[in-house]
Amino acid sequence: MAHNTFVVYVGTKIVEVVYATSYQQAYEWAKRNYGEQAYVFENVQALDITGR
């Protein structure tokens, strides 16, 4: 994934993939939109399925 791309989880479910200027911005946005149960991962590696 691109630099400054963040995955927002609630529990084990991905609820958003966002682009932000910083982890702090993504974290604050996630907490505002999804509450305290949200957590954020930065620059997560994705499985490339384009060649399959």
Protein backbone atom coordinates (compact mmCIF):
# COMPACT_ATOMS: atom_id res chain seq x y z
CA MET A 1 0.00 0.00 0.00
CA ALA A 2 1.08 3.56 -0.49
CA HIS A 3 2.94 5.58 2.11
CA ASN A 4 0.52 7.26 4.57
CA THR A 5 -2.17 4.69 3.88
CA PHE A 6 -3.90 3.42 7.01
CA VAL A 7 -6.29 0.56 7.63
CA VAL A 8 -8.99 1.16 10.23
CA TYR A 9 -10.31 -1.89 12.07
CA VAL A 10 -13.22 -2.33 14.43
CA GLY A 11 -12.72 -5.70 16.07
CA THR A 12 -11.46 -7.98 13.32
CA LYS A 13 -13.31 -6.18 10.52
CA ILE A 14 -11.68 -3.66 8.17
CA VAL A 15 -14.06 -0.71 8.07
CA GLU A 16 -11.99 1.85 6.13
CA VAL A 17 -8.75 2.30 4.25
CA VAL A 18 -7.72 5.96 4.44
CA TYR A 19 -4.96 8.26 3.25
CA ALA A 20 -3.79 10.73 5.89
CA THR A 21 -0.88 13.10 6.47
CA SER A 22 0.12 11.22 9.64
CA TYR A 23 -0.75 8.31 11.90
CA GLN A 24 -2.10 10.81 14.42
CA GLN A 25 -4.53 12.25 11.87
CA ALA A 26 -5.75 8.78 10.90
CA TYR A 27 -6.05 7.74 14.55
CA GLU A 28 -8.05 10.82 15.54
CA TRP A 29 -10.34 10.42 12.52
CA ALA A 30 -10.92 6.73 13.30
CA LYS A 31 -11.77 7.46 16.94
CA ARG A 32 -14.14 10.27 15.93
CA ASN A 33 -15.93 8.11 13.37
CA TYR A 34 -15.84 4.67 14.98
CA GLY A 35 -15.26 5.30 18.67
CA GLU A 36 -12.84 3.76 21.12
CA GLN A 37 -13.15 0.29 19.60
CA ALA A 38 -11.33 1.42 16.42
CA TYR A 39 -7.66 0.76 15.87
CA VAL A 40 -5.32 1.76 13.05
CA PHE A 41 -2.48 0.06 11.17
CA GLU A 42 -0.06 1.96 8.96
CA ASN A 43 1.40 0.86 5.61
CA VAL A 44 -0.04 -2.63 5.80
CA GLN A 45 1.28 -5.08 3.21
CA ALA A 46 -1.39 -6.37 0.87
CA LEU A 47 -1.53 -9.68 -0.96
CA ASP A 48 -0.97 -9.04 -4.67
CA ILE A 49 -3.56 -11.06 -6.56
CA THR A 50 -3.16 -9.30 -9.91
CA GLY A 51 -1.07 -12.13 -11.40
CA ARG A 52 -3.28 -14.98 -10.24
